[in-house]
């Protein structure tokens, strides 16, 4: 459906927020959020530890988040990826940066995502 990039002066990375219309709507939102997160990372060949995924059920909304450091390459990366899902929609957000440079930026990006909600 589209995406938005949020960039702020002093941030070492960019927050990408993508909007998705769900095809399969019978699965509980929290389960769908986890599956969408796993599928997205697998499709992009991003290595990730499945045990690092946190899932929350927030009533009609599900949230899946992964936050980890990937150090196997020359340039280590700090990944934080969110999927927020309701009955018919999903939001994917991602903030990726060098762990030596993320500072408070990744926490600020997390607060932006925490303030998002679906309007019925």
C-alpha atoms as a PDB file:
ATOM      1  CA  UNK A   1       0.000   0.000   0.000  1.00  0.00           C
ATOM      2  CA  UNK A   2       2.973   2.347   0.446  1.00  0.00           C
ATOM      3  CA  UNK A   3       5.639   3.487   2.845  1.00  0.00           C
ATOM      4  CA  UNK A   4       7.004   6.516   4.660  1.00  0.00           C
ATOM      5  CA  UNK A   5      10.615   7.241   5.584  1.00  0.00           C
ATOM      6  CA  UNK A   6      11.280   9.242   8.739  1.00  0.00           C
ATOM      7  CA  UNK A   7      14.646  10.899   9.035  1.00  0.00           C
ATOM      8  CA  UNK A   8      15.779  13.182  11.813  1.00  0.00           C
ATOM      9  CA  UNK A   9      18.893  15.285  12.116  1.00  0.00           C
ATOM     10  CA  UNK A  10      21.428  13.410  14.212  1.00  0.00           C
ATOM     11  CA  UNK A  11      19.953   9.965  13.549  1.00  0.00           C
ATOM     12  CA  UNK A  12      22.487   7.540  12.063  1.00  0.00           C
ATOM     13  CA  UNK A  13      19.684   5.661  10.277  1.00  0.00           C
ATOM     14  CA  UNK A  14      16.217   6.072   8.828  1.00  0.00           C
ATOM     15  CA  UNK A  15      12.929   4.682  10.120  1.00  0.00           C
ATOM     16  CA  UNK A  16      10.901   3.059   7.370  1.00  0.00           C
ATOM     17  CA  UNK A  17       7.181   2.527   7.938  1.00  0.00           C
ATOM     18  CA  UNK A  18       5.319   0.407   5.380  1.00  0.00           C
ATOM     19  CA  UNK A  19       1.567  -0.043   5.193  1.00  0.00           C
ATOM     20  CA  UNK A  20       0.177  -3.424   4.163  1.00  0.00           C
ATOM     21  CA  UNK A  21      -3.303  -4.755   3.483  1.00  0.00           C
ATOM     22  CA  UNK A  22      -3.684  -8.281   4.887  1.00  0.00           C
ATOM     23  CA  UNK A  23      -4.856 -11.035   2.555  1.00  0.00           C
ATOM     24  CA  UNK A  24      -5.443 -13.665   5.231  1.00  0.00           C
ATOM     25  CA  UNK A  25      -7.662 -12.291   7.999  1.00  0.00           C
ATOM     26  CA  UNK A  26      -8.729 -15.362  10.019  1.00  0.00           C
ATOM     27  CA  UNK A  27      -5.488 -15.746  11.974  1.00  0.00           C
ATOM     28  CA  UNK A  28      -5.239 -13.941  15.328  1.00  0.00           C
ATOM     29  CA  UNK A  29      -3.428 -10.611  14.993  1.00  0.00           C
ATOM     30  CA  UNK A  30      -0.468 -11.544  17.244  1.00  0.00           C
ATOM     31  CA  UNK A  31       0.173 -14.764  15.293  1.00  0.00           C
ATOM     32  CA  UNK A  32      -0.093 -12.906  11.996  1.00  0.00           C
ATOM     33  CA  UNK A  33       2.366 -10.254  13.210  1.00  0.00           C
ATOM     34  CA  UNK A  34       4.956 -12.916  14.054  1.00  0.00           C
ATOM     35  CA  UNK A  35       4.522 -14.752  10.757  1.00  0.00           C
ATOM     36  CA  UNK A  36       4.727 -11.525   8.738  1.00  0.00           C
ATOM     37  CA  UNK A  37       7.932 -10.576  10.562  1.00  0.00           C
ATOM     38  CA  UNK A  38       9.519 -13.992  10.016  1.00  0.00           C
ATOM     39  CA  UNK A  39       8.463 -14.164   6.352  1.00  0.00           C
ATOM     40  CA  UNK A  40       9.721 -10.656   5.604  1.00  0.00           C
ATOM     41  CA  UNK A  41      13.153 -11.299   7.089  1.00  0.00           C
ATOM     42  CA  UNK A  42      13.440 -14.677   5.366  1.00  0.00           C
ATOM     43  CA  UNK A  43      12.445 -13.212   1.968  1.00  0.00           C
ATOM     44  CA  UNK A  44      15.192 -10.613   2.339  1.00  0.00           C
ATOM     45  CA  UNK A  45      17.781 -13.197   3.433  1.00  0.00           C
ATOM     46  CA  UNK A  46      18.239 -11.475   6.778  1.00  0.00           C
ATOM     47  CA  UNK A  47      19.656 -13.931   9.290  1.00  0.00           C
ATOM     48  CA  UNK A  48      17.780 -13.673  12.577  1.00  0.00           C
ATOM     49  CA  UNK A  49      17.330 -15.716  15.732  1.00  0.00           C
ATOM     50  CA  UNK A  50      13.659 -16.748  15.993  1.00  0.00           C
ATOM     51  CA  UNK A  51      13.915 -16.769  19.774  1.00  0.00           C
ATOM     52  CA  UNK A  52      14.627 -13.023  19.682  1.00  0.00           C
ATOM     53  CA  UNK A  53      11.101 -12.228  18.430  1.00  0.00           C
ATOM     54  CA  UNK A  54       8.811 -10.746  21.081  1.00  0.00           C
ATOM     55  CA  UNK A  55       5.062 -10.960  20.478  1.00  0.00           C
ATOM     56  CA  UNK A  56       2.288  -9.063  22.256  1.00  0.00           C
ATOM     57  CA  UNK A  57      -1.459  -9.281  21.927  1.00  0.00           C
ATOM     58  CA  UNK A  58      -3.043  -5.868  22.461  1.00  0.00           C
ATOM     59  CA  UNK A  59      -6.729  -6.671  22.119  1.00  0.00           C
ATOM     60  CA  UNK A  60      -7.556  -6.560  18.407  1.00  0.00           C
ATOM     61  CA  UNK A  61      -3.954  -5.660  17.561  1.00  0.00           C
ATOM     62  CA  UNK A  62      -0.886  -7.880  17.570  1.00  0.00           C
ATOM     63  CA  UNK A  63       2.711  -6.694  17.738  1.00  0.00           C
ATOM     64  CA  UNK A  64       5.874  -8.616  16.872  1.00  0.00           C
ATOM     65  CA  UNK A  65       9.309  -7.067  17.412  1.00  0.00           C
ATOM     66  CA  UNK A  66      12.827  -8.253  16.848  1.00  0.00           C
ATOM     67  CA  UNK A  67      15.821  -6.406  18.204  1.00  0.00           C
ATOM     68  CA  UNK A  68      19.266  -7.859  17.752  1.00  0.00           C
ATOM     69  CA  UNK A  69      22.841  -7.231  16.763  1.00  0.00           C
ATOM     70  CA  UNK A  70      24.211  -8.910  13.656  1.00  0.00           C
ATOM     71  CA  UNK A  71      27.998  -9.071  13.942  1.00  0.00           C
ATOM     72  CA  UNK A  72      28.960 -11.696  11.337  1.00  0.00           C
ATOM     73  CA  UNK A  73      29.758  -9.151   8.603  1.00  0.00           C
ATOM     74  CA  UNK A  74      32.493  -6.555   8.332  1.00  0.00           C
ATOM     75  CA  UNK A  75      30.009  -3.887   9.357  1.00  0.00           C
ATOM     76  CA  UNK A  76      27.902  -4.928  12.370  1.00  0.00           C
ATOM     77  CA  UNK A  77      24.240  -3.907  12.297  1.00  0.00           C
ATOM     78  CA  UNK A  78      21.639  -3.251  14.982  1.00  0.00           C
ATOM     79  CA  UNK A  79      18.210  -4.280  13.713  1.00  0.00           C
ATOM     80  CA  UNK A  80      14.856  -3.398  15.211  1.00  0.00           C
ATOM     81  CA  UNK A  81      11.865  -4.458  13.122  1.00  0.00           C
ATOM     82  CA  UNK A  82       8.220  -4.229  14.155  1.00  0.00           C
ATOM     83  CA  UNK A  83       5.012  -5.645  12.694  1.00  0.00           C
ATOM     84  CA  UNK A  84       1.738  -4.274  14.042  1.00  0.00           C
ATOM     85  CA  UNK A  85      -1.345  -6.098  12.776  1.00  0.00           C
ATOM     86  CA  UNK A  86      -5.096  -5.716  13.162  1.00  0.00           C
ATOM     87  CA  UNK A  87      -7.936  -7.599  11.425  1.00  0.00           C
ATOM     88  CA  UNK A  88      -7.290  -6.319   7.895  1.00  0.00           C
ATOM     89  CA  UNK A  89      -4.100  -4.211   7.986  1.00  0.00           C
ATOM     90  CA  UNK A  90      -0.474  -4.368   8.986  1.00  0.00           C
ATOM     91  CA  UNK A  91       2.304  -1.879   9.540  1.00  0.00           C
ATOM     92  CA  UNK A  92       5.924  -2.872   9.178  1.00  0.00           C
ATOM     93  CA  UNK A  93       8.546  -0.555  10.612  1.00  0.00           C
ATOM     94  CA  UNK A  94      12.295  -1.002  10.522  1.00  0.00           C
ATOM     95  CA  UNK A  95      15.234   0.888  11.955  1.00  0.00           C
ATOM     96  CA  UNK A  96      18.700  -0.396  11.077  1.00  0.00           C
ATOM     97  CA  UNK A  97      22.007   1.201  11.945  1.00  0.00           C
ATOM     98  CA  UNK A  98      25.555   0.553  13.053  1.00  0.00           C
ATOM     99  CA  UNK A  99      25.370  -0.375  16.769  1.00  0.00           C
ATOM    100  CA  UNK A 100      28.197   2.023  17.546  1.00  0.00           C
ATOM    101  CA  UNK A 101      26.080   4.898  16.244  1.00  0.00           C
ATOM    102  CA  UNK A 102      22.521   4.121  17.299  1.00  0.00           C
ATOM    103  CA  UNK A 103      22.636   5.861  20.689  1.00  0.00           C
ATOM    104  CA  UNK A 104      19.199   7.114  21.639  1.00  0.00           C
ATOM    105  CA  UNK A 105      17.920   7.240  18.048  1.00  0.00           C
ATOM    106  CA  UNK A 106      16.664   3.657  18.074  1.00  0.00           C
ATOM    107  CA  UNK A 107      14.847   4.308  21.359  1.00  0.00           C
ATOM    108  CA  UNK A 108      13.238   7.407  19.874  1.00  0.00           C
ATOM    109  CA  UNK A 109      12.159   5.378  16.831  1.00  0.00           C
ATOM    110  CA  UNK A 110      10.635   2.834  19.239  1.00  0.00           C
ATOM    111  CA  UNK A 111       8.603   5.554  20.941  1.00  0.00           C
ATOM    112  CA  UNK A 112       7.242   6.647  17.549  1.00  0.00           C
ATOM    113  CA  UNK A 113       6.079   3.089  16.837  1.00  0.00           C
ATOM    114  CA  UNK A 114       4.614   2.711  20.345  1.00  0.00           C
ATOM    115  CA  UNK A 115       2.438   5.790  19.699  1.00  0.00           C
ATOM    116  CA  UNK A 116       0.966   4.340  16.486  1.00  0.00           C
ATOM    117  CA  UNK A 117      -2.485   2.812  16.491  1.00  0.00           C
ATOM    118  CA  UNK A 118      -5.051   1.659  13.986  1.00  0.00           C
ATOM    119  CA  UNK A 119      -8.174   3.758  13.609  1.00  0.00           C
ATOM    120  CA  UNK A 120     -11.242   1.555  13.044  1.00  0.00           C
END
